[in-house]
Every structure is written in C-alpha cells, then in structure tokens.
C-alpha cells in the first residue's frame, strides 16, 4: 500500500512535527484548547523565561497550529481550527497500512498455529 499525498507539503509536515516534538509546546496547546490565552498566561504557568515562551510561540505560529491576535499591547493566542487535519490525514494512511499488515500477520500466525495441531 503506497501512502497517499496529504494536503500538507513535506516542509509543512516537518514544521508541525517539530512543533509537537516539544513537551512545553504540547502543554501550551492543551492550555489553548480550553480557550484563547494571553502571553502572560504562559509565563505564569511555565517556569521558563518570557523570551523562551516567545520562542515556543514562534515555533507554534510557524507550524500553523496557532494564531496570534494583537490588540494594542494585548497578544491573544488561540488554536487554529482544523490545523491538525493534515497531520490526521497523514497519520490515518499509515494507521491503515499497519492495521492491514497486522491483520495479515495475525491470520498467518493463526494458520500456522492450527496446522501444528
């Protein structure tokens, strides 16, 4: 089974997986799942510097997972709806591949087991 093309380019997939590879960024995404956050919300939650928070947010923005809305000095950070659809599509094709192969392996093992009796 050959993987199908997703809506995301290889570079875009790399950006998203890079963003998701860091535990702090995944926790930031979890916070935003409850609703938009201010940058200050992240500095209160994590024991890292404000510049480090900004670097994490830039990685998430570059990946397309979040959006920043600036009103005056207030930066509102929120999840982008449907941002993970391309990743979901990419993962599903490999999930189907492995499920098919594991089903075949199971049938083979059961067949071998039954022929030994």
Protein backbone atom coordinates (compact mmCIF):
# COMPACT_ATOMS: atom_id res chain seq x y z
CA UNK A 1 0.00 0.00 0.00
CA UNK A 2 1.51 3.27 -1.10
CA UNK A 3 0.86 6.35 1.08
CA UNK A 4 -1.39 8.98 -0.47
CA UNK A 5 -0.43 12.61 -0.68
CA UNK A 6 -1.72 14.85 2.09
CA UNK A 7 -2.74 18.48 1.83
CA UNK A 8 0.48 19.43 3.63
CA UNK A 9 3.86 19.65 1.92
CA UNK A 10 6.85 17.80 3.36
CA UNK A 11 8.13 21.09 4.79
CA UNK A 12 4.79 21.83 6.45
CA UNK A 13 4.67 18.33 7.95
CA UNK A 14 8.20 18.84 9.29
CA UNK A 15 7.19 22.17 10.88
CA UNK A 16 4.16 20.65 12.62
CA UNK A 17 6.02 17.58 13.88
CA UNK A 18 8.87 19.81 15.09
CA UNK A 19 6.36 21.96 16.97
CA UNK A 20 4.69 18.91 18.53
CA UNK A 21 8.01 17.31 19.48
CA UNK A 22 8.45 19.59 22.48
CA UNK A 23 6.55 18.91 25.71
CA UNK A 24 6.26 22.58 26.65
CA UNK A 25 4.66 23.40 23.32
CA UNK A 26 2.23 20.47 23.66
CA UNK A 27 1.23 21.78 27.12
CA UNK A 28 0.73 25.25 25.62
CA UNK A 29 -1.60 23.74 23.01
CA UNK A 30 -3.51 21.97 25.81
CA UNK A 31 -3.97 25.30 27.58
CA UNK A 32 -5.29 26.89 24.38
CA UNK A 33 -7.72 24.01 23.88
CA UNK A 34 -9.67 25.49 26.80
CA UNK A 35 -9.77 28.87 25.06
CA UNK A 36 -7.54 31.72 23.91
CA UNK A 37 -4.63 32.65 26.18
CA UNK A 38 -2.58 35.75 26.78
CA UNK A 39 1.21 35.50 26.59
CA UNK A 40 1.24 36.23 30.32
CA UNK A 41 -0.82 33.10 30.96
CA UNK A 42 2.07 31.03 29.65
CA UNK A 43 4.71 32.85 31.67
CA UNK A 44 2.62 32.24 34.81
CA UNK A 45 2.17 28.54 34.00
CA UNK A 46 5.72 27.60 32.99
CA UNK A 47 8.94 28.13 34.89
CA UNK A 48 10.81 29.47 31.86
CA UNK A 49 11.68 32.99 30.79
CA UNK A 50 9.42 35.24 28.73
CA UNK A 51 11.87 35.11 25.78
CA UNK A 52 11.71 31.30 25.88
CA UNK A 53 7.89 31.48 25.84
CA UNK A 54 8.11 33.80 22.82
CA UNK A 55 10.41 31.35 21.01
CA UNK A 56 7.97 28.49 21.66
CA UNK A 57 5.07 30.60 20.39
CA UNK A 58 7.01 31.50 17.22
CA UNK A 59 7.58 27.79 16.51
CA UNK A 60 3.86 27.11 17.01
CA UNK A 61 2.93 30.05 14.76
CA UNK A 62 5.35 28.94 12.02
CA UNK A 63 3.80 25.47 12.12
CA UNK A 64 0.34 26.95 11.59
CA UNK A 65 -1.06 25.42 14.79
CA UNK A 66 -1.88 28.74 16.46
CA UNK A 67 -2.80 32.29 15.59
CA UNK A 68 -1.93 35.49 17.40
CA UNK A 69 -4.32 38.43 17.53
CA UNK A 70 -2.77 41.70 18.67
CA UNK A 71 -4.94 44.45 20.11
CA UNK A 72 -2.77 47.26 21.39
CA UNK A 73 -0.30 45.62 23.76
CA UNK A 74 -2.50 42.58 24.32
CA UNK A 75 -1.49 39.42 22.44
CA UNK A 76 -4.26 36.81 22.32
CA UNK A 77 -3.06 33.33 21.30
CA UNK A 78 -5.52 30.69 20.11
CA UNK A 79 -5.57 27.36 18.34
CA UNK A 80 -6.27 27.46 14.62
CA UNK A 81 -9.38 25.44 13.83
CA UNK A 82 -8.60 22.40 11.69
CA UNK A 83 -4.84 22.97 11.99
CA UNK A 84 -4.19 19.28 12.62
CA UNK A 85 -6.36 17.93 9.80
CA UNK A 86 -3.36 17.48 7.50
CA UNK A 87 -1.48 15.59 10.21
CA UNK A 88 -4.55 13.47 10.94
CA UNK A 89 -4.81 12.65 7.24
CA UNK A 90 -1.12 11.73 7.12
CA UNK A 91 -1.35 9.52 10.23
CA UNK A 92 -4.50 7.74 9.05
CA UNK A 93 -2.82 6.48 5.90
CA UNK A 94 -0.06 4.85 7.96
CA UNK A 95 -2.56 3.58 10.50
CA UNK A 96 -4.49 1.83 7.72
CA UNK A 97 -1.22 0.39 6.38
CA UNK A 98 -0.18 -1.04 9.75
CA UNK A 99 -3.64 -2.33 10.62
CA UNK A 100 -3.72 -4.20 7.31
CA UNK A 101 -0.28 -5.68 7.89
CA UNK A 102 -1.04 -6.65 11.48
CA UNK A 103 -4.28 -8.32 10.37
CA UNK A 104 -2.31 -10.31 7.79
CA UNK A 105 0.25 -11.28 10.42
CA UNK A 106 -2.49 -12.40 12.80
CA UNK A 107 -4.07 -14.58 10.10
CA UNK A 108 -0.68 -16.08 9.27
CA UNK A 109 0.10 -16.87 12.93
CA UNK A 110 -3.33 -18.43 13.49
CA UNK A 111 -2.96 -20.51 10.34
CA UNK A 112 0.48 -21.75 11.46
CA UNK A 113 -0.84 -22.47 14.93
CA UNK A 114 -3.75 -24.51 13.53
CA UNK A 115 -1.51 -26.52 11.19
CA UNK A 116 0.70 -27.62 14.11
CA UNK A 117 -2.19 -29.33 15.86
